[in-house]
Amino acid sequence: MECSSNPTPLLLCPPPLDNLDKEKSTVDTNGSVDRAIAFDPSALRHQRKIPEAFIWPSIDAASTDDDGLAVPAVDLSGFAGGDAAATARAAAQVRAACGAHGFFHVIGHGVDACLARDALSCMAGFFALPRARKLRGRGRGSRSAGSAMWGYAGAHAERFTCMLPWKETLSFGYRELGGDRGVVDYFTSNLGEEFESMGWIYQKYCKSMKDLSLAVMELLAVSLGVERSHYRDFFEDSSSIMRLNYYPPCQEPELTLGTGPHCDPTALTILHQDDVGGLEVFADGRWRPVRPVDGALVVNIGDTFMVCDQRFFFTFLW
């Protein structure tokens, strides 16, 4: 699951937003302004140039000649099966990766391949909807803890006015103690009853990601020489954020970013890459690409875990 920090420099930029349509603002009963600025890839793709609001003044991306960051593929199947030799091997790989940059792939992770494909298919279907339909899922925030983080967002234009990311997102929370259909209820109440089947797919997918995250926590504990259940017990009742990211084709990709440089504030981020890639990690004094591995998931140690155990290094990504 993914959670990104808010890059505060973006707050320092003035309007206007060229070529972006601003919808009428409304004032909620609590006095907050509900403002939506359009990011419509289906319309923007017909323009020769991207709007100025999406241009980043300096982009220090990874070289196209870079073979990629050395990210180990950690096989969890032996660890899950109680194989002592496989566990020792996996723990050594994780410790080395986390001491260097905080990233590793996991294979043999037990996440159903059909479920993963269905999750990607549902995501593609959602972002292909007309913009007005997607806006029904726009986060309106403020009434419950964390609610401002949930919902549909186009380029985060409701929060920032320049250096916007060229992406759309759909975010929602998951808490296992919240019942067996919390994600389903989120989809049906915010997007409509016709999204129930999509809700069930992500309900199951979130459960799989939670199970995987706890297994990774156990392996991290083994790698650090503490009790296997040490971190699992601490994080078992935690909540999570599921974020779907869509990066539309861009006519001037050299001028913009899908996601700006950031650190993940979570304990763990589990990323399901497609076969295109795009993830970069700042390591060895420069940005390094993390190449996709078929069937693998990327694990990133976040800031919260590093607070729990400072033997792991700081990581920076986009």
Foldseek 3Di string as FASTA:
>chain_A
DDDFDDDVVLAVDDDDWPPKDKDDWDADPVGDIDTAIDDFCVVQVPDLAHIQQFFDPDDFADDPPFPFDPAEEQECQCVVVVNPVSLVVNLQSQLVCQQFAFKHKYFNLPDDPVLVVVLVVVLVVLSVDGPVLQCLFQQPDDPDPPSNVAGKHQQVVVRGNHNGAQKIKGKDKDFPVVDQQPQLCSCCVRRHPVCNVVSNSVSVVVVSVLVSVLSVQLSNCVSVPHHSCVVSVVCVRPMDMDMDMDRDDDSCVVGGHNDDKGFGADQKDKADDDQPFDKWKCGPNGTGGHHDDPRIIMMGGGPVNCVVPVSGDGIMID
